[in-house]
Amino acid sequence: METTTSPIDIEALKQQFTDYLKRKQYRNTQERYRVLDRLTELDKHFSADELYFYMNSKGDRISRATIYSTLDLLTKCTILMKHRFQGESAHFELASRMPDHDHLICVECGHIIEFREREIDSLQKKVCAEFGFKPMKHSLQIFAICPNTAQCEHNKQ
């Protein structure tokens, strides 16, 4: 099982975003690129509100609406992955940081472990072939309980 992340090529991400905005005829604004710059500084899953507070703490003056709309565009152009863990608000992560991975989520403390398991990839290919589909991507979330919830360092209580 793998848990390594890939380095981020911010210039490639900016070019991908520029191409998407142009193709879909969206305005190319400095605020949108500022959001992209700031979210690449985060190395964990984040919500729109967490990004908003992070950007404000760095002195960026940007509206919540701009953050929400930009996150939506970045998700549509596949720069970001959007997740809903246990009915919480949406959380995002850079798709290129750890491609094709899955999540193990503790239902007690909320801790998330990211992992890659080659057998899941093989199963995806097998199921798609059986039904004549071409695999694109998958998302697996395993909800579980930490080994020692009373002593868990991630416990939010």
N, C-alpha and C. Protein backbone atom coordinates (compact mmCIF):
# COMPACT_ATOMS: atom_id res chain seq x y z
N MET A 1 0.84 -1.17 0.00
CA MET A 1 0.00 0.00 0.00
C MET A 1 0.89 1.24 0.00
N GLU A 2 0.55 2.23 -0.85
CA GLU A 2 1.36 3.44 -0.98
C GLU A 2 0.65 4.62 -0.33
N THR A 3 1.46 5.58 0.18
CA THR A 3 0.91 6.82 0.71
C THR A 3 1.74 8.03 0.28
N THR A 4 2.59 7.91 -0.72
CA THR A 4 3.44 9.01 -1.15
C THR A 4 2.66 10.00 -2.02
N THR A 5 3.09 11.27 -1.93
CA THR A 5 2.44 12.30 -2.72
C THR A 5 3.38 12.76 -3.83
N SER A 6 2.79 13.36 -4.86
CA SER A 6 3.56 13.87 -6.00
C SER A 6 3.87 15.34 -5.80
N PRO A 7 5.00 15.81 -6.35
CA PRO A 7 5.30 17.24 -6.28
C PRO A 7 4.29 18.04 -7.11
N ILE A 8 4.06 19.28 -6.73
CA ILE A 8 3.09 20.12 -7.40
C ILE A 8 3.79 21.00 -8.42
N ASP A 9 3.33 20.98 -9.67
CA ASP A 9 3.83 21.85 -10.73
C ASP A 9 2.81 22.98 -10.90
N ILE A 10 3.01 24.07 -10.16
CA ILE A 10 2.05 25.16 -10.13
C ILE A 10 1.87 25.79 -11.52
N GLU A 11 2.94 25.88 -12.28
CA GLU A 11 2.83 26.48 -13.62
C GLU A 11 1.95 25.63 -14.54
N ALA A 12 2.09 24.31 -14.44
CA ALA A 12 1.24 23.42 -15.24
C ALA A 12 -0.23 23.55 -14.81
N LEU A 13 -0.46 23.68 -13.50
CA LEU A 13 -1.83 23.86 -13.01
C LEU A 13 -2.41 25.18 -13.52
N LYS A 14 -1.62 26.23 -13.48
CA LYS A 14 -2.09 27.53 -13.98
C LYS A 14 -2.42 27.46 -15.47
N GLN A 15 -1.58 26.77 -16.22
CA GLN A 15 -1.85 26.64 -17.66
C GLN A 15 -3.12 25.83 -17.91
N GLN A 16 -3.31 24.76 -17.15
CA GLN A 16 -4.52 23.95 -17.27
C GLN A 16 -5.75 24.80 -16.95
N PHE A 17 -5.67 25.61 -15.91
CA PHE A 17 -6.78 26.49 -15.52
C PHE A 17 -7.03 27.55 -16.59
N THR A 18 -5.97 28.15 -17.11
CA THR A 18 -6.09 29.16 -18.17
C THR A 18 -6.78 28.57 -19.39
N ASP A 19 -6.35 27.38 -19.80
CA ASP A 19 -6.94 26.72 -20.97
C ASP A 19 -8.43 26.44 -20.74
N TYR A 20 -8.77 26.00 -19.53
CA TYR A 20 -10.16 25.70 -19.21
C TYR A 20 -11.01 26.97 -19.24
N LEU A 21 -10.54 28.03 -18.60
CA LEU A 21 -11.28 29.29 -18.56
C LEU A 21 -11.51 29.83 -19.97
N LYS A 22 -10.50 29.74 -20.80
CA LYS A 22 -10.61 30.23 -22.18
C LYS A 22 -11.61 29.38 -22.97
N ARG A 23 -11.49 28.06 -22.85
CA ARG A 23 -12.36 27.13 -23.60
C ARG A 23 -13.82 27.31 -23.20
N LYS A 24 -14.07 27.54 -21.90
CA LYS A 24 -15.44 27.68 -21.41
C LYS A 24 -15.91 29.13 -21.36
N GLN A 25 -15.04 30.05 -21.81
CA GLN A 25 -15.34 31.48 -21.90
C GLN A 25 -15.67 32.12 -20.54
N TYR A 26 -14.87 31.76 -19.53
CA TYR A 26 -14.96 32.41 -18.22
C TYR A 26 -13.92 33.51 -18.18
N ARG A 27 -14.16 34.49 -17.34
CA ARG A 27 -13.19 35.57 -17.17
C ARG A 27 -11.93 35.06 -16.48
N ASN A 28 -10.81 35.57 -16.92
CA ASN A 28 -9.50 35.22 -16.41
C ASN A 28 -9.12 36.30 -15.40
N THR A 29 -9.32 36.05 -14.08
CA THR A 29 -9.09 37.09 -13.08
C THR A 29 -7.93 36.76 -12.15
N GLN A 30 -7.32 37.81 -11.62
CA GLN A 30 -6.22 37.64 -10.67
C GLN A 30 -6.68 36.91 -9.41
N GLU A 31 -7.93 37.18 -8.98
CA GLU A 31 -8.44 36.55 -7.76
C GLU A 31 -8.50 35.03 -7.90
N ARG A 32 -8.92 34.55 -9.07
CA ARG A 32 -9.00 33.11 -9.29
C ARG A 32 -7.62 32.46 -9.20
N TYR A 33 -6.61 33.12 -9.76
CA TYR A 33 -5.26 32.57 -9.70
C TYR A 33 -4.68 32.67 -8.30
N ARG A 34 -5.10 33.68 -7.53
CA ARG A 34 -4.65 33.80 -6.15
C ARG A 34 -5.19 32.64 -5.32
N VAL A 35 -6.46 32.27 -5.57
CA VAL A 35 -7.04 31.11 -4.89
C VAL A 35 -6.23 29.87 -5.23
N LEU A 36 -5.93 29.67 -6.50
CA LEU A 36 -5.14 28.51 -6.92
C LEU A 36 -3.77 28.51 -6.24
N ASP A 37 -3.10 29.65 -6.22
CA ASP A 37 -1.79 29.74 -5.56
C ASP A 37 -1.89 29.33 -4.09
N ARG A 38 -2.86 29.88 -3.39
CA ARG A 38 -2.98 29.63 -1.94
C ARG A 38 -3.34 28.18 -1.64
N LEU A 39 -4.21 27.59 -2.44
CA LEU A 39 -4.60 26.21 -2.11
C LEU A 39 -3.47 25.23 -2.36
N THR A 40 -2.52 25.58 -3.21
CA THR A 40 -1.37 24.69 -3.40
C THR A 40 -0.45 24.70 -2.18
N GLU A 41 -0.61 25.69 -1.30
CA GLU A 41 0.19 25.74 -0.08
C GLU A 41 -0.34 24.78 0.99
N LEU A 42 -1.57 24.30 0.82
CA LEU A 42 -2.18 23.42 1.79
C LEU A 42 -1.85 21.97 1.47
N ASP A 43 -1.50 21.19 2.47
CA ASP A 43 -1.12 19.80 2.23
C ASP A 43 -2.13 18.82 2.82
N LYS A 44 -3.37 19.28 2.96
CA LYS A 44 -4.42 18.42 3.51
C LYS A 44 -5.74 18.74 2.82
N HIS A 45 -6.75 17.97 3.14
CA HIS A 45 -8.09 18.28 2.65
C HIS A 45 -8.53 19.59 3.30
N PHE A 46 -9.28 20.39 2.58
CA PHE A 46 -9.73 21.67 3.12
C PHE A 46 -11.13 21.98 2.62
N SER A 47 -11.87 22.73 3.43
CA SER A 47 -13.19 23.21 3.02
C SER A 47 -13.03 24.62 2.45
N ALA A 48 -14.07 25.10 1.81
CA ALA A 48 -14.04 26.46 1.27
C ALA A 48 -13.83 27.47 2.40
N ASP A 49 -14.50 27.27 3.52
CA ASP A 49 -14.35 28.19 4.64
C ASP A 49 -12.94 28.15 5.22
N GLU A 50 -12.34 26.97 5.30
CA GLU A 50 -10.96 26.88 5.80
C GLU A 50 -10.01 27.64 4.87
N LEU A 51 -10.23 27.53 3.57
CA LEU A 51 -9.40 28.26 2.61
C LEU A 51 -9.63 29.76 2.76
N TYR A 52 -10.87 30.16 2.94
CA TYR A 52 -11.20 31.58 3.14
C TYR A 52 -10.46 32.14 4.36
N PHE A 53 -10.52 31.45 5.49
CA PHE A 53 -9.84 31.92 6.69
C PHE A 53 -8.31 31.90 6.51
N TYR A 54 -7.81 30.88 5.83
CA TYR A 54 -6.37 30.80 5.56
C TYR A 54 -5.92 32.00 4.72
N MET A 55 -6.67 32.28 3.67
CA MET A 55 -6.30 33.39 2.79
C MET A 55 -6.37 34.72 3.54
N ASN A 56 -7.38 34.90 4.37
CA ASN A 56 -7.47 36.13 5.17
C ASN A 56 -6.29 36.26 6.12
N SER A 57 -5.86 35.12 6.71
CA SER A 57 -4.73 35.16 7.64
C SER A 57 -3.42 35.53 6.93
N LYS A 58 -3.39 35.34 5.61
CA LYS A 58 -2.21 35.68 4.81
C LYS A 58 -2.31 37.09 4.22
N GLY A 59 -3.41 37.79 4.54
CA GLY A 59 -3.57 39.17 4.06
C GLY A 59 -4.28 39.29 2.73
N ASP A 60 -4.79 38.20 2.19
CA ASP A 60 -5.53 38.25 0.93
C ASP A 60 -6.93 38.79 1.19
N ARG A 61 -7.35 39.73 0.40
CA ARG A 61 -8.70 40.26 0.51
C ARG A 61 -9.52 39.69 -0.64
N ILE A 62 -10.28 38.66 -0.32
CA ILE A 62 -11.06 37.98 -1.35
C ILE A 62 -12.37 37.52 -0.74
N SER A 63 -13.43 37.59 -1.50
CA SER A 63 -14.75 37.25 -0.96
C SER A 63 -14.96 35.74 -0.90
N ARG A 64 -15.85 35.35 0.00
CA ARG A 64 -16.23 33.94 0.09
C ARG A 64 -16.82 33.48 -1.24
N ALA A 65 -17.64 34.32 -1.85
CA ALA A 65 -18.28 33.96 -3.12
C ALA A 65 -17.24 33.65 -4.19
N THR A 66 -16.17 34.44 -4.25
CA THR A 66 -15.10 34.19 -5.23
C THR A 66 -14.42 32.87 -4.94
N ILE A 67 -14.19 32.57 -3.66
CA ILE A 67 -13.57 31.30 -3.30
C ILE A 67 -14.46 30.14 -3.71
N TYR A 68 -15.74 30.20 -3.36
CA TYR A 68 -16.66 29.12 -3.71
C TYR A 68 -16.74 28.92 -5.22
N SER A 69 -16.88 30.00 -5.97
CA SER A 69 -17.01 29.86 -7.43
C SER A 69 -15.72 29.36 -8.05
N THR A 70 -14.58 29.80 -7.52
CA THR A 70 -13.29 29.35 -8.06
C THR A 70 -13.06 27.87 -7.75
N LEU A 71 -13.41 27.44 -6.53
CA LEU A 71 -13.28 26.02 -6.21
C LEU A 71 -14.15 25.17 -7.13
N ASP A 72 -15.33 25.66 -7.46
CA ASP A 72 -16.21 24.95 -8.39
C ASP A 72 -15.56 24.83 -9.77
N LEU A 73 -14.97 25.90 -10.26
CA LEU A 73 -14.29 25.87 -11.57
C LEU A 73 -13.08 24.94 -11.54
N LEU A 74 -12.31 25.00 -10.46
CA LEU A 74 -11.12 24.15 -10.35
C LEU A 74 -11.50 22.67 -10.26
N THR A 75 -12.67 22.39 -9.70
CA THR A 75 -13.15 21.01 -9.66
C THR A 75 -13.60 20.57 -11.06
N LYS A 76 -14.31 21.43 -11.75
CA LYS A 76 -14.79 21.10 -13.10
C LYS A 76 -13.64 20.87 -14.08
N CYS A 77 -12.53 21.56 -13.88
CA CYS A 77 -11.40 21.36 -14.81
C CYS A 77 -10.41 20.33 -14.28
N THR A 78 -10.81 19.58 -13.27
CA THR A 78 -10.09 18.43 -12.70
C THR A 78 -8.77 18.78 -11.99
N ILE A 79 -8.58 20.03 -11.62
CA ILE A 79 -7.42 20.39 -10.81
C ILE A 79 -7.67 19.96 -9.37
N LEU A 80 -8.92 20.08 -8.93
CA LEU A 80 -9.30 19.68 -7.57
C LEU A 80 -10.20 18.47 -7.60
N MET A 81 -10.14 17.71 -6.53
CA MET A 81 -11.10 16.64 -6.27
C MET A 81 -11.98 17.12 -5.13
N LYS A 82 -13.28 16.84 -5.24
CA LYS A 82 -14.23 17.25 -4.22
C LYS A 82 -14.74 16.00 -3.51
N HIS A 83 -14.74 16.03 -2.19
CA HIS A 83 -15.19 14.88 -1.39
C HIS A 83 -16.23 15.32 -0.37
N ARG A 84 -17.08 14.40 -0.01
CA ARG A 84 -17.99 14.59 1.12
C ARG A 84 -17.73 13.42 2.07
N PHE A 85 -17.10 13.73 3.19
CA PHE A 85 -16.79 12.72 4.19
C PHE A 85 -17.86 12.74 5.27
N GLN A 86 -18.66 11.70 5.34
CA GLN A 86 -19.66 11.54 6.39
C GLN A 86 -20.65 12.70 6.46
N GLY A 87 -21.12 13.18 5.34
CA GLY A 87 -22.13 14.21 5.33
C GLY A 87 -21.64 15.59 5.73
N GLU A 88 -20.34 15.75 5.92
CA GLU A 88 -19.78 17.06 6.24
C GLU A 88 -19.86 17.95 5.01
N SER A 89 -19.49 19.21 5.18
CA SER A 89 -19.42 20.08 4.02
C SER A 89 -18.34 19.55 3.08
N ALA A 90 -18.38 19.99 1.86
CA ALA A 90 -17.43 19.51 0.86
C ALA A 90 -16.00 19.85 1.27
N HIS A 91 -15.12 18.91 1.03
CA HIS A 91 -13.68 19.11 1.22
C HIS A 91 -13.00 18.90 -0.11
N PHE A 92 -11.90 19.59 -0.31
CA PHE A 92 -11.18 19.57 -1.57
C PHE A 92 -9.74 19.15 -1.34
N GLU A 93 -9.12 18.68 -2.43
CA GLU A 93 -7.70 18.40 -2.44
C GLU A 93 -7.21 18.48 -3.88
N LEU A 94 -5.93 18.79 -4.03
CA LEU A 94 -5.34 18.83 -5.37
C LEU A 94 -5.32 17.43 -5.96
N ALA A 95 -5.86 17.27 -7.14
CA ALA A 95 -5.91 15.96 -7.78
C ALA A 95 -4.51 15.43 -8.10
N SER A 96 -3.58 16.34 -8.40
CA SER A 96 -2.24 15.91 -8.79
C SER A 96 -1.34 15.56 -7.61
N ARG A 97 -1.74 15.92 -6.39
CA ARG A 97 -0.88 15.65 -5.23
C ARG A 97 -0.72 14.15 -4.98
N MET A 98 -1.81 13.41 -5.06
CA MET A 98 -1.77 11.96 -4.89
C MET A 98 -2.87 11.37 -5.77
N PRO A 99 -2.58 11.17 -7.06
CA PRO A 99 -3.62 10.70 -7.99
C PRO A 99 -4.15 9.31 -7.63
N ASP A 100 -5.41 9.08 -7.97
CA ASP A 100 -6.04 7.76 -7.84
C ASP A 100 -5.82 7.13 -6.48
N HIS A 101 -6.23 7.81 -5.45
CA HIS A 101 -6.07 7.26 -4.10
C HIS A 101 -7.43 7.18 -3.41
N ASP A 102 -7.43 6.53 -2.27
CA ASP A 102 -8.66 6.31 -1.53
C ASP A 102 -8.48 6.82 -0.11
N HIS A 103 -9.56 6.76 0.67
CA HIS A 103 -9.56 7.35 2.00
C HIS A 103 -10.08 6.38 3.06
N LEU A 104 -9.38 6.35 4.19
CA LEU A 104 -9.81 5.63 5.38
C LEU A 104 -10.14 6.70 6.41
N ILE A 105 -11.39 6.74 6.87
CA ILE A 105 -11.88 7.83 7.70
C ILE A 105 -12.38 7.30 9.03
N CYS A 106 -11.86 7.85 10.12
CA CYS A 106 -12.34 7.46 11.45
C CYS A 106 -13.65 8.21 11.74
N VAL A 107 -14.69 7.46 12.08
CA VAL A 107 -16.00 8.06 12.36
C VAL A 107 -16.04 8.71 13.74
N GLU A 108 -15.05 8.44 14.57
CA GLU A 108 -15.00 9.03 15.92
C GLU A 108 -14.27 10.37 15.93
N CYS A 109 -13.08 10.41 15.35
CA CYS A 109 -12.25 11.62 15.44
C CYS A 109 -12.14 12.38 14.13
N GLY A 110 -12.54 11.76 13.02
CA GLY A 110 -12.48 12.44 11.73
C GLY A 110 -11.14 12.35 11.02
N HIS A 111 -10.17 11.68 11.62
CA HIS A 111 -8.85 11.54 10.99
C HIS A 111 -8.99 10.81 9.66
N ILE A 112 -8.27 11.29 8.65
CA ILE A 112 -8.32 10.71 7.30
C ILE A 112 -6.93 10.21 6.93
N ILE A 113 -6.87 8.97 6.51
CA ILE A 113 -5.63 8.39 5.99
C ILE A 113 -5.84 8.17 4.50
N GLU A 114 -4.91 8.69 3.70
CA GLU A 114 -4.96 8.48 2.26
C GLU A 114 -4.06 7.31 1.91
N PHE A 115 -4.52 6.49 0.97
CA PHE A 115 -3.73 5.33 0.58
C PHE A 115 -4.01 4.94 -0.87
N ARG A 116 -3.08 4.20 -1.44
CA ARG A 116 -3.25 3.59 -2.77
C ARG A 116 -3.07 2.10 -2.61
N GLU A 117 -3.98 1.36 -3.17
CA GLU A 117 -3.90 -0.09 -3.12
C GLU A 117 -4.06 -0.60 -4.55
N ARG A 118 -3.01 -1.19 -5.07
CA ARG A 118 -3.02 -1.64 -6.47
C ARG A 118 -4.14 -2.64 -6.76
N GLU A 119 -4.52 -3.43 -5.79
CA GLU A 119 -5.60 -4.40 -6.00
C GLU A 119 -6.93 -3.71 -6.30
N ILE A 120 -7.14 -2.52 -5.73
CA ILE A 120 -8.37 -1.76 -6.03
C ILE A 120 -8.34 -1.29 -7.48
N ASP A 121 -7.17 -0.84 -7.94
CA ASP A 121 -7.02 -0.45 -9.35
C ASP A 121 -7.30 -1.63 -10.27
N SER A 122 -6.77 -2.79 -9.91
CA SER A 122 -7.01 -3.99 -10.72
C SER A 122 -8.48 -4.36 -10.74
N LEU A 123 -9.13 -4.27 -9.60
CA LEU A 123 -10.56 -4.57 -9.51
C LEU A 123 -11.37 -3.60 -10.36
N GLN A 124 -11.01 -2.32 -10.33
CA GLN A 124 -11.68 -1.32 -11.16
C GLN A 124 -11.60 -1.70 -12.64
N LYS A 125 -10.42 -2.08 -13.09
CA LYS A 125 -10.23 -2.47 -14.49
C LYS A 125 -11.04 -3.71 -14.83
N LYS A 126 -11.03 -4.68 -13.92
CA LYS A 126 -11.76 -5.93 -14.16
C LYS A 126 -13.26 -5.68 -14.28
N VAL A 127 -13.83 -4.90 -13.36
CA VAL A 127 -15.27 -4.63 -13.38
C VAL A 127 -15.64 -3.85 -14.64
N CYS A 128 -14.85 -2.87 -15.01
CA CYS A 128 -15.13 -2.10 -16.22
C CYS A 128 -15.08 -2.98 -17.47
N ALA A 129 -14.07 -3.83 -17.55
CA ALA A 129 -13.95 -4.73 -18.70
C ALA A 129 -15.14 -5.68 -18.79
N GLU A 130 -15.58 -6.17 -17.65
CA GLU A 130 -16.72 -7.09 -17.62
C GLU A 130 -17.98 -6.47 -18.21
N PHE A 131 -18.15 -5.17 -18.01
CA PHE A 131 -19.35 -4.49 -18.50
C PHE A 131 -19.09 -3.63 -19.73
N GLY A 132 -17.89 -3.72 -20.29
CA GLY A 132 -17.57 -2.99 -21.50
C GLY A 132 -17.33 -1.50 -21.29
N PHE A 133 -16.93 -1.12 -20.10
CA PHE A 133 -16.67 0.29 -19.80
C PHE A 133 -15.17 0.57 -19.85
N LYS A 134 -14.82 1.85 -20.00
CA LYS A 134 -13.43 2.28 -19.94
C LYS A 134 -13.23 2.99 -18.60
N PRO A 135 -12.34 2.49 -17.73
CA PRO A 135 -12.15 3.13 -16.42
C PRO A 135 -11.57 4.53 -16.56
N MET A 136 -12.10 5.45 -15.79
CA MET A 136 -11.61 6.83 -15.79
C MET A 136 -10.98 7.15 -14.42
N LYS A 137 -11.77 6.97 -13.37
CA LYS A 137 -11.29 7.20 -12.02
C LYS A 137 -12.27 6.53 -11.07
N HIS A 138 -11.88 6.45 -9.81
CA HIS A 138 -12.78 5.88 -8.81
C HIS A 138 -12.58 6.62 -7.49
N SER A 139 -13.49 6.41 -6.59
CA SER A 139 -13.40 7.01 -5.27
C SER A 139 -13.90 6.00 -4.25
N LEU A 140 -13.04 5.65 -3.33
CA LEU A 140 -13.41 4.70 -2.28
C LEU A 140 -13.19 5.38 -0.93
N GLN A 141 -14.22 5.32 -0.09
CA GLN A 141 -14.12 5.85 1.26
C GLN A 141 -14.48 4.71 2.21
N ILE A 142 -13.58 4.40 3.11
CA ILE A 142 -13.81 3.37 4.11
C ILE A 142 -14.01 4.08 5.45
N PHE A 143 -15.17 3.90 6.05
CA PHE A 143 -15.46 4.50 7.35
C PHE A 143 -15.19 3.45 8.43
N ALA A 144 -14.38 3.83 9.41
CA ALA A 144 -13.93 2.88 10.43
C ALA A 144 -13.72 3.63 11.74
N ILE A 145 -13.18 2.93 12.72
CA ILE A 145 -12.88 3.53 14.02
C ILE A 145 -11.40 3.33 14.30
N CYS A 146 -10.73 4.39 14.78
CA CYS A 146 -9.31 4.31 15.14
C CYS A 146 -9.08 3.19 16.14
N PRO A 147 -7.86 2.64 16.19
CA PRO A 147 -7.56 1.55 17.10
C PRO A 147 -7.78 1.89 18.58
N ASN A 148 -7.50 3.14 18.97
CA ASN A 148 -7.63 3.52 20.38
C ASN A 148 -8.26 4.91 20.45
N THR A 149 -9.58 4.98 20.37
CA THR A 149 -10.27 6.27 20.30
C THR A 149 -10.07 7.11 21.56
N ALA A 150 -9.91 6.50 22.72
CA ALA A 150 -9.73 7.26 23.96
C ALA A 150 -8.40 8.02 23.97
N GLN A 151 -7.38 7.47 23.33
CA GLN A 151 -6.05 8.07 23.31
C GLN A 151 -5.71 8.74 21.98
N CYS A 152 -6.67 8.82 21.07
CA CYS A 152 -6.40 9.30 19.71
C CYS A 152 -5.97 10.76 19.70
N GLU A 153 -4.84 11.03 19.08
CA GLU A 153 -4.32 12.40 19.00
C GLU A 153 -5.16 13.27 18.07
N HIS A 154 -5.99 12.67 17.23
CA HIS A 154 -6.79 13.41 16.26
C HIS A 154 -8.20 13.73 16.78
N ASN A 155 -8.53 13.19 17.95
CA ASN A 155 -9.87 13.34 18.49
C ASN A 155 -10.20 14.82 18.69
N LYS A 156 -11.32 15.24 18.16
CA LYS A 156 -11.71 16.66 18.18
C LYS A 156 -12.33 17.08 19.51
N GLN A 157 -12.54 16.18 20.42
CA GLN A 157 -13.21 16.52 21.68
C GLN A 157 -12.31 17.20 22.66
